[in-house]
Amino acid sequence: MTPSRKQRLFLVLFLVTGVIASVTFALKAFQNNMLFFFSPSQVYAGEAPESRVFRLGGMVVEESIKREAGSLTVSFIVTDYANSIPVLYTGVLPDLFAEGQGVVARGQLSDDLFIAAEVLAKHDENYMPPEVAEALRISREAQK
């Protein structure tokens, strides 16, 4: 094998190894940053990760919103009509957040309490995130 062929072979092997390493790192980063959506029933079934951030979606239970006096801390209950999970959130809630409305909260599970870092409410009367609508539909069908 001539020296120029060896150089080209090493260059090609180096480039292929670099591309494989780059793709591997990109896929790992993507996997670590993905936020999964779970309904309260899926959380109770143990499908939600205990040590990772995920999204919890459902409907805010009527008369469940409790605000701490002199604080931005709010607690409420999210349900999919089969199971319910209490949520604790500290911060400013969206204007459209209300009882009986759809909500998606991003946060982490701590024992039986969901600690939310962000709360999103639907943006008009006709919209509900597709994942929330599907989870509610499945939950209602399971009750029948």
Protein backbone atom coordinates (compact mmCIF):
# COMPACT_ATOMS: atom_id res chain seq x y z
CA MET A 1 0.00 0.00 0.00
CA THR A 2 1.41 3.37 -0.98
CA PRO A 3 1.80 6.17 1.60
CA SER A 4 -0.82 8.36 -0.15
CA ARG A 5 -3.36 5.50 -0.04
CA LYS A 6 -2.70 5.00 3.67
CA GLN A 7 -3.24 8.72 4.26
CA ARG A 8 -6.57 8.67 2.40
CA LEU A 9 -7.67 5.52 4.26
CA PHE A 10 -6.87 7.11 7.64
CA LEU A 11 -8.63 10.33 6.60
CA VAL A 12 -11.77 8.44 5.54
CA LEU A 13 -11.77 6.36 8.75
CA PHE A 14 -11.29 9.52 10.82
CA LEU A 15 -14.21 11.27 9.05
CA VAL A 16 -16.52 8.24 9.41
CA THR A 17 -15.68 7.94 13.11
CA GLY A 18 -16.32 11.67 13.59
CA VAL A 19 -19.70 11.50 11.86
CA ILE A 20 -20.78 8.47 13.92
CA ALA A 21 -19.70 10.19 17.15
CA SER A 22 -21.54 13.40 16.19
CA VAL A 23 -24.77 11.54 15.39
CA THR A 24 -24.53 9.58 18.65
CA PHE A 25 -24.08 12.75 20.72
CA ALA A 26 -26.92 14.51 18.89
CA LEU A 27 -29.31 11.62 19.50
CA LYS A 28 -28.36 11.45 23.19
CA ALA A 29 -28.92 15.19 23.59
CA PHE A 30 -32.28 14.97 21.83
CA GLN A 31 -33.39 12.07 24.02
CA ASN A 32 -32.40 13.88 27.24
CA ASN A 33 -34.31 17.03 26.24
CA MET A 34 -37.56 15.41 25.16
CA LEU A 35 -40.58 16.16 27.32
CA PHE A 36 -43.17 13.43 27.37
CA PHE A 37 -46.87 14.03 27.95
CA PHE A 38 -48.73 11.96 30.53
CA SER A 39 -52.31 11.95 31.78
CA PRO A 40 -53.09 11.45 35.49
CA SER A 41 -54.07 7.83 34.79
CA GLN A 42 -50.70 7.16 33.15
CA VAL A 43 -48.94 8.73 36.15
CA TYR A 44 -50.83 6.48 38.57
CA ALA A 45 -50.03 3.47 36.38
CA GLY A 46 -46.34 4.24 36.87
CA GLU A 47 -45.64 5.19 33.25
CA ALA A 48 -44.32 8.67 34.13
CA PRO A 49 -40.65 9.03 35.09
CA GLU A 50 -40.03 9.75 38.78
CA SER A 51 -36.72 11.54 38.29
CA ARG A 52 -37.30 13.46 35.04
CA VAL A 53 -39.29 16.47 33.96
CA PHE A 54 -42.45 15.68 31.98
CA ARG A 55 -45.74 17.30 31.01
CA LEU A 56 -48.97 16.52 32.85
CA GLY A 57 -52.22 17.35 31.10
CA GLY A 58 -55.91 17.21 31.83
CA MET A 59 -58.72 19.33 33.18
CA VAL A 60 -58.60 21.52 36.28
CA VAL A 61 -61.07 20.14 38.83
CA GLU A 62 -63.89 22.50 39.82
CA GLU A 63 -63.33 24.26 43.19
CA SER A 64 -59.80 22.83 43.52
CA ILE A 65 -57.76 26.03 43.08
CA LYS A 66 -56.27 27.17 46.39
CA ARG A 67 -54.03 30.25 46.60
CA GLU A 68 -51.67 30.92 49.50
CA ALA A 69 -52.22 34.39 50.93
CA GLY A 70 -49.39 36.82 50.19
CA SER A 71 -47.69 34.38 47.84
CA LEU A 72 -47.70 33.32 44.20
CA THR A 73 -48.06 29.66 45.23
CA VAL A 74 -51.17 27.96 43.88
CA SER A 75 -52.37 24.40 44.28
CA PHE A 76 -54.98 22.74 42.11
CA ILE A 77 -56.01 19.29 40.93
CA VAL A 78 -55.66 17.99 37.37
CA THR A 79 -57.93 15.15 36.28
CA ASP A 80 -58.60 13.00 33.24
CA TYR A 81 -61.95 11.98 34.81
CA ALA A 82 -60.52 8.61 35.87
CA ASN A 83 -57.68 9.75 38.15
CA SER A 84 -56.57 13.06 39.63
CA ILE A 85 -53.21 14.50 40.66
CA PRO A 86 -52.61 17.50 42.92
CA VAL A 87 -50.35 20.15 41.41
CA LEU A 88 -48.30 22.81 43.20
CA TYR A 89 -47.14 25.83 41.21
CA THR A 90 -45.36 29.01 42.24
CA GLY A 91 -45.58 31.81 39.71
CA VAL A 92 -47.99 33.83 37.63
CA LEU A 93 -50.72 31.72 36.06
CA PRO A 94 -51.89 32.37 32.49
CA ASP A 95 -54.93 34.62 32.13
CA LEU A 96 -57.01 31.79 30.67
CA PHE A 97 -56.26 29.39 33.54
CA ALA A 98 -59.55 28.46 35.23
CA GLU A 99 -61.44 25.62 36.86
CA GLY A 100 -63.03 23.22 34.41
CA GLN A 101 -60.54 24.20 31.67
CA GLY A 102 -57.79 22.22 29.98
CA VAL A 103 -54.25 22.65 31.27
CA VAL A 104 -50.76 21.32 30.58
CA ALA A 105 -48.16 21.63 33.34
CA ARG A 106 -44.44 20.98 32.96
CA GLY A 107 -42.68 19.75 36.06
CA GLN A 108 -41.63 16.79 38.13
CA LEU A 109 -43.37 14.26 40.34
CA SER A 110 -42.56 14.33 44.05
CA ASP A 111 -44.30 11.50 45.91
CA ASP A 112 -47.99 11.99 44.98
CA LEU A 113 -47.61 15.70 44.24
CA PHE A 114 -46.72 17.21 40.88
CA ILE A 115 -44.42 20.24 41.30
CA ALA A 116 -44.98 22.42 38.23
CA ALA A 117 -42.36 24.77 36.82
CA GLU A 118 -44.66 26.02 34.05
CA VAL A 119 -48.43 26.00 33.52
CA LEU A 120 -50.04 26.44 30.11
CA ALA A 121 -53.75 27.04 29.54
CA LYS A 122 -55.67 26.68 26.33
CA HIS A 123 -55.60 29.79 24.19
CA ASP A 124 -59.25 29.99 23.11
CA GLU A 125 -62.52 28.24 23.75
CA ASN A 126 -62.15 25.76 20.87
CA TYR A 127 -58.57 24.59 21.39
CA MET A 128 -57.24 21.76 23.51
CA PRO A 129 -53.81 20.18 22.99
CA PRO A 130 -54.27 16.97 20.97
CA GLU A 131 -52.56 14.88 23.64
CA VAL A 132 -54.93 16.15 26.34
CA ALA A 133 -58.00 15.58 24.16
CA GLU A 134 -56.87 12.01 23.36
CA ALA A 135 -56.11 11.20 27.01
CA LEU A 136 -59.52 12.50 28.09
CA ARG A 137 -61.26 10.53 25.34
CA ILE A 138 -59.50 7.30 26.36
CA SER A 139 -60.28 7.91 30.03
CA ARG A 140 -63.99 8.49 29.34
CA GLU A 141 -64.20 5.36 27.19
CA ALA A 142 -62.57 3.29 29.95
CA GLN A 143 -65.23 4.46 32.45
CA LYS A 144 -68.11 3.21 30.27
